[in-house]
Amino acid sequence: MKDLKVDGSYWRQFHKQLQCHLKQKHTKFWENGFQLLQNIEYRATLQKHVTRARDPITMVTINTKPDEATKKTKQIPDVDQVADILEMGDQSR
């Protein structure tokens, strides 16, 4: 664990390795790790300063709670009254 710290600090070790990486020297840190961390930093910065685009569907949709009159008019049909799709297939043969 000592090799993960410089003067008791992970940050100092990271900064030291980053400086080596920028000078194109050998580092203890995974080379692609610097790019990954930079991408994470870019995303975090962008999310702080950019608002998310609004969804076009939600811009034109109005959500309303159904009232009691609407609830009573919409009834589920009785299962016996619904034609069975299998019976319809037999009729076409």
N, C-alpha and C. Protein backbone atom coordinates (compact mmCIF):
# COMPACT_ATOMS: atom_id res chain seq x y z
N MET A 1 0.81 -1.20 0.00
CA MET A 1 0.00 0.00 0.00
C MET A 1 0.86 1.27 0.00
N LYS A 2 2.10 1.14 0.45
CA LYS A 2 2.96 2.32 0.49
C LYS A 2 3.19 2.89 -0.90
N ASP A 3 3.23 2.01 -1.91
CA ASP A 3 3.49 2.49 -3.26
C ASP A 3 2.30 3.26 -3.85
N LEU A 4 1.16 3.23 -3.17
CA LEU A 4 -0.01 3.98 -3.64
C LEU A 4 -0.01 5.42 -3.12
N LYS A 5 0.88 5.72 -2.18
CA LYS A 5 0.91 7.06 -1.58
C LYS A 5 2.29 7.69 -1.72
N VAL A 6 2.30 9.01 -1.78
CA VAL A 6 3.52 9.80 -1.67
C VAL A 6 3.29 10.75 -0.51
N ASP A 7 4.16 10.72 0.47
CA ASP A 7 4.00 11.54 1.69
C ASP A 7 2.61 11.35 2.30
N GLY A 8 2.10 10.09 2.27
CA GLY A 8 0.81 9.78 2.88
C GLY A 8 -0.40 10.22 2.07
N SER A 9 -0.21 10.58 0.82
CA SER A 9 -1.32 11.11 0.02
C SER A 9 -1.45 10.36 -1.30
N TYR A 10 -2.66 9.89 -1.58
CA TYR A 10 -2.94 9.27 -2.88
C TYR A 10 -2.87 10.31 -3.99
N TRP A 11 -3.36 11.51 -3.69
CA TRP A 11 -3.40 12.57 -4.69
C TRP A 11 -1.99 12.93 -5.15
N ARG A 12 -1.05 13.04 -4.22
CA ARG A 12 0.33 13.38 -4.60
C ARG A 12 0.92 12.30 -5.50
N GLN A 13 0.62 11.04 -5.20
CA GLN A 13 1.11 9.94 -6.04
C GLN A 13 0.49 10.03 -7.45
N PHE A 14 -0.82 10.29 -7.49
CA PHE A 14 -1.48 10.42 -8.79
C PHE A 14 -0.86 11.57 -9.58
N HIS A 15 -0.69 12.72 -8.92
CA HIS A 15 -0.14 13.90 -9.60
C HIS A 15 1.27 13.62 -10.11
N LYS A 16 2.07 12.94 -9.32
CA LYS A 16 3.43 12.58 -9.72
C LYS A 16 3.40 11.68 -10.95
N GLN A 17 2.52 10.68 -10.95
CA GLN A 17 2.40 9.77 -12.09
C GLN A 17 1.85 10.48 -13.32
N LEU A 18 0.93 11.41 -13.11
CA LEU A 18 0.37 12.18 -14.22
C LEU A 18 1.46 13.01 -14.88
N GLN A 19 2.32 13.63 -14.09
CA GLN A 19 3.41 14.43 -14.65
C GLN A 19 4.34 13.55 -15.48
N CYS A 20 4.62 12.35 -14.98
CA CYS A 20 5.45 11.41 -15.76
C CYS A 20 4.76 11.04 -17.07
N HIS A 21 3.46 10.80 -16.99
CA HIS A 21 2.69 10.43 -18.19
C HIS A 21 2.72 11.56 -19.22
N LEU A 22 2.55 12.79 -18.76
CA LEU A 22 2.56 13.94 -19.67
C LEU A 22 3.93 14.13 -20.33
N LYS A 23 4.98 13.72 -19.65
CA LYS A 23 6.33 13.80 -20.21
C LYS A 23 6.68 12.53 -20.99
N GLN A 24 5.68 11.66 -21.16
CA GLN A 24 5.82 10.40 -21.88
C GLN A 24 6.88 9.50 -21.27
N LYS A 25 6.93 9.48 -19.93
CA LYS A 25 7.81 8.59 -19.20
C LYS A 25 7.01 7.43 -18.65
N HIS A 26 7.70 6.38 -18.22
CA HIS A 26 7.05 5.20 -17.64
C HIS A 26 6.37 5.58 -16.33
N THR A 27 5.15 5.08 -16.13
CA THR A 27 4.42 5.34 -14.89
C THR A 27 3.96 4.03 -14.26
N LYS A 28 3.61 4.09 -12.99
CA LYS A 28 3.03 2.94 -12.29
C LYS A 28 1.55 2.83 -12.61
N PHE A 29 0.99 3.92 -13.08
CA PHE A 29 -0.43 4.01 -13.34
C PHE A 29 -0.73 3.45 -14.73
N TRP A 30 -1.91 2.82 -14.88
CA TRP A 30 -2.34 2.28 -16.17
C TRP A 30 -2.48 3.43 -17.16
N GLU A 31 -1.85 3.32 -18.31
CA GLU A 31 -1.82 4.42 -19.28
C GLU A 31 -3.21 4.89 -19.69
N ASN A 32 -4.09 3.96 -19.98
CA ASN A 32 -5.46 4.34 -20.38
C ASN A 32 -6.25 4.91 -19.21
N GLY A 33 -5.80 4.65 -17.99
CA GLY A 33 -6.49 5.18 -16.81
C GLY A 33 -6.52 6.69 -16.78
N PHE A 34 -5.44 7.34 -17.26
CA PHE A 34 -5.42 8.80 -17.30
C PHE A 34 -6.50 9.32 -18.23
N GLN A 35 -6.67 8.66 -19.37
CA GLN A 35 -7.70 9.08 -20.32
C GLN A 35 -9.10 8.84 -19.75
N LEU A 36 -9.28 7.71 -19.09
CA LEU A 36 -10.58 7.42 -18.47
C LEU A 36 -10.93 8.47 -17.42
N LEU A 37 -9.98 8.78 -16.57
CA LEU A 37 -10.24 9.78 -15.53
C LEU A 37 -10.52 11.15 -16.15
N GLN A 38 -9.83 11.49 -17.22
CA GLN A 38 -10.08 12.77 -17.89
C GLN A 38 -11.49 12.80 -18.48
N ASN A 39 -11.92 11.68 -19.08
CA ASN A 39 -13.28 11.61 -19.62
C ASN A 39 -14.32 11.78 -18.52
N ILE A 40 -14.08 11.16 -17.36
CA ILE A 40 -15.00 11.31 -16.23
C ILE A 40 -15.05 12.77 -15.80
N GLU A 41 -13.90 13.41 -15.75
CA GLU A 41 -13.84 14.83 -15.37
C GLU A 41 -14.61 15.69 -16.37
N TYR A 42 -14.43 15.42 -17.67
CA TYR A 42 -15.15 16.18 -18.70
C TYR A 42 -16.66 16.03 -18.51
N ARG A 43 -17.12 14.80 -18.30
CA ARG A 43 -18.56 14.57 -18.13
C ARG A 43 -19.11 15.28 -16.91
N ALA A 44 -18.38 15.20 -15.81
CA ALA A 44 -18.82 15.85 -14.57
C ALA A 44 -18.92 17.36 -14.77
N THR A 45 -17.95 17.93 -15.46
CA THR A 45 -17.96 19.37 -15.72
C THR A 45 -19.12 19.75 -16.63
N LEU A 46 -19.33 18.97 -17.68
CA LEU A 46 -20.44 19.26 -18.59
C LEU A 46 -21.79 19.17 -17.91
N GLN A 47 -21.97 18.18 -17.05
CA GLN A 47 -23.25 18.00 -16.38
C GLN A 47 -23.56 19.17 -15.45
N LYS A 48 -22.54 19.81 -14.94
CA LYS A 48 -22.76 20.96 -14.06
C LYS A 48 -23.20 22.19 -14.85
N HIS A 49 -22.74 22.31 -16.11
CA HIS A 49 -22.93 23.55 -16.86
C HIS A 49 -23.92 23.46 -18.02
N VAL A 50 -24.39 22.27 -18.34
CA VAL A 50 -25.28 22.11 -19.49
C VAL A 50 -26.60 21.53 -18.99
N THR A 51 -27.68 22.14 -19.44
CA THR A 51 -28.99 21.59 -19.09
C THR A 51 -29.35 20.51 -20.10
N ARG A 52 -30.08 19.54 -19.64
CA ARG A 52 -30.47 18.43 -20.50
C ARG A 52 -31.57 18.87 -21.46
N ALA A 53 -31.48 18.40 -22.70
CA ALA A 53 -32.49 18.74 -23.70
C ALA A 53 -33.83 18.15 -23.30
N ARG A 54 -34.89 18.91 -23.56
CA ARG A 54 -36.23 18.44 -23.23
C ARG A 54 -36.71 17.45 -24.27
N ASP A 55 -37.42 16.46 -23.81
CA ASP A 55 -37.98 15.44 -24.69
C ASP A 55 -39.15 16.05 -25.46
N PRO A 56 -39.17 15.94 -26.80
CA PRO A 56 -40.26 16.54 -27.58
C PRO A 56 -41.64 16.00 -27.21
N ILE A 57 -41.73 14.75 -26.81
CA ILE A 57 -43.02 14.17 -26.44
C ILE A 57 -43.56 14.83 -25.17
N THR A 58 -42.69 14.99 -24.17
CA THR A 58 -43.16 15.60 -22.92
C THR A 58 -43.47 17.08 -23.10
N MET A 59 -42.90 17.71 -24.12
CA MET A 59 -43.20 19.12 -24.35
C MET A 59 -44.64 19.33 -24.83
N VAL A 60 -45.20 18.35 -25.53
CA VAL A 60 -46.55 18.51 -26.07
C VAL A 60 -47.59 17.67 -25.34
N THR A 61 -47.18 16.91 -24.34
CA THR A 61 -48.10 16.04 -23.62
C THR A 61 -48.54 16.71 -22.32
N ILE A 62 -49.83 16.60 -22.05
CA ILE A 62 -50.36 17.12 -20.79
C ILE A 62 -50.82 15.93 -19.97
N ASN A 63 -50.24 15.78 -18.81
CA ASN A 63 -50.62 14.69 -17.92
C ASN A 63 -51.76 15.16 -17.02
N THR A 64 -52.89 14.47 -17.11
CA THR A 64 -54.01 14.81 -16.25
C THR A 64 -54.48 13.57 -15.52
N LYS A 65 -55.02 13.79 -14.36
CA LYS A 65 -55.57 12.70 -13.57
C LYS A 65 -56.99 12.44 -14.06
N PRO A 66 -57.34 11.18 -14.33
CA PRO A 66 -58.71 10.91 -14.80
C PRO A 66 -59.72 11.24 -13.71
N ASP A 67 -60.84 11.82 -14.14
CA ASP A 67 -61.89 12.12 -13.16
C ASP A 67 -62.83 10.92 -13.04
N GLU A 68 -63.75 10.98 -12.11
CA GLU A 68 -64.65 9.84 -11.85
C GLU A 68 -65.53 9.52 -13.07
N ALA A 69 -65.97 10.53 -13.83
CA ALA A 69 -66.82 10.29 -15.00
C ALA A 69 -66.06 9.49 -16.05
N THR A 70 -64.81 9.79 -16.25
CA THR A 70 -64.00 9.08 -17.24
C THR A 70 -63.78 7.64 -16.82
N LYS A 71 -63.57 7.43 -15.53
CA LYS A 71 -63.34 6.08 -15.03
C LYS A 71 -64.55 5.18 -15.29
N LYS A 72 -65.77 5.72 -15.14
CA LYS A 72 -66.98 4.92 -15.28
C LYS A 72 -67.28 4.59 -16.73
N THR A 73 -66.90 5.45 -17.66
CA THR A 73 -67.22 5.21 -19.07
C THR A 73 -66.30 4.18 -19.70
N LYS A 74 -65.10 4.07 -19.20
CA LYS A 74 -64.16 3.08 -19.75
C LYS A 74 -64.29 1.80 -18.95
N GLN A 75 -64.92 0.82 -19.57
CA GLN A 75 -65.10 -0.45 -18.90
C GLN A 75 -64.37 -1.54 -19.67
N ILE A 76 -63.87 -2.50 -18.97
CA ILE A 76 -63.20 -3.62 -19.61
C ILE A 76 -64.27 -4.56 -20.16
N PRO A 77 -64.19 -4.95 -21.43
CA PRO A 77 -65.21 -5.84 -22.00
C PRO A 77 -65.20 -7.20 -21.30
N ASP A 78 -66.37 -7.79 -21.25
CA ASP A 78 -66.51 -9.11 -20.65
C ASP A 78 -65.73 -10.11 -21.51
N VAL A 79 -65.00 -10.99 -20.89
CA VAL A 79 -64.17 -11.95 -21.61
C VAL A 79 -65.02 -12.83 -22.52
N ASP A 80 -66.23 -13.16 -22.11
CA ASP A 80 -67.10 -14.01 -22.92
C ASP A 80 -67.52 -13.32 -24.22
N GLN A 81 -67.55 -11.99 -24.22
CA GLN A 81 -67.97 -11.25 -25.40
C GLN A 81 -66.84 -11.05 -26.42
N VAL A 82 -65.63 -11.26 -26.02
CA VAL A 82 -64.49 -11.07 -26.90
C VAL A 82 -64.28 -12.35 -27.71
N ALA A 83 -64.18 -12.19 -29.03
CA ALA A 83 -63.98 -13.35 -29.90
C ALA A 83 -62.61 -13.95 -29.63
N ASP A 84 -62.57 -15.25 -29.54
CA ASP A 84 -61.32 -15.95 -29.32
C ASP A 84 -60.55 -15.99 -30.64
N ILE A 85 -59.32 -15.56 -30.61
CA ILE A 85 -58.52 -15.48 -31.83
C ILE A 85 -58.30 -16.86 -32.44
N LEU A 86 -58.28 -17.90 -31.62
CA LEU A 86 -58.12 -19.24 -32.15
C LEU A 86 -59.34 -19.67 -32.95
N GLU A 87 -60.52 -19.28 -32.49
CA GLU A 87 -61.76 -19.60 -33.23
C GLU A 87 -61.76 -18.90 -34.57
N MET A 88 -61.24 -17.68 -34.61
CA MET A 88 -61.22 -16.94 -35.86
C MET A 88 -60.31 -17.63 -36.87
N GLY A 89 -59.24 -18.22 -36.39
CA GLY A 89 -58.32 -18.93 -37.28
C GLY A 89 -58.98 -20.16 -37.86
N ASP A 90 -59.82 -20.88 -37.09
CA ASP A 90 -60.52 -22.07 -37.57
C ASP A 90 -61.51 -21.69 -38.66
N GLN A 91 -62.13 -20.53 -38.56
CA GLN A 91 -63.15 -20.13 -39.53
C GLN A 91 -62.55 -19.82 -40.89
N SER A 92 -61.30 -19.39 -40.92
CA SER A 92 -60.71 -19.00 -42.20
C SER A 92 -60.22 -20.17 -43.02
N ARG A 93 -60.22 -21.37 -42.44
CA ARG A 93 -59.71 -22.55 -43.17
C ARG A 93 -60.73 -23.16 -44.05
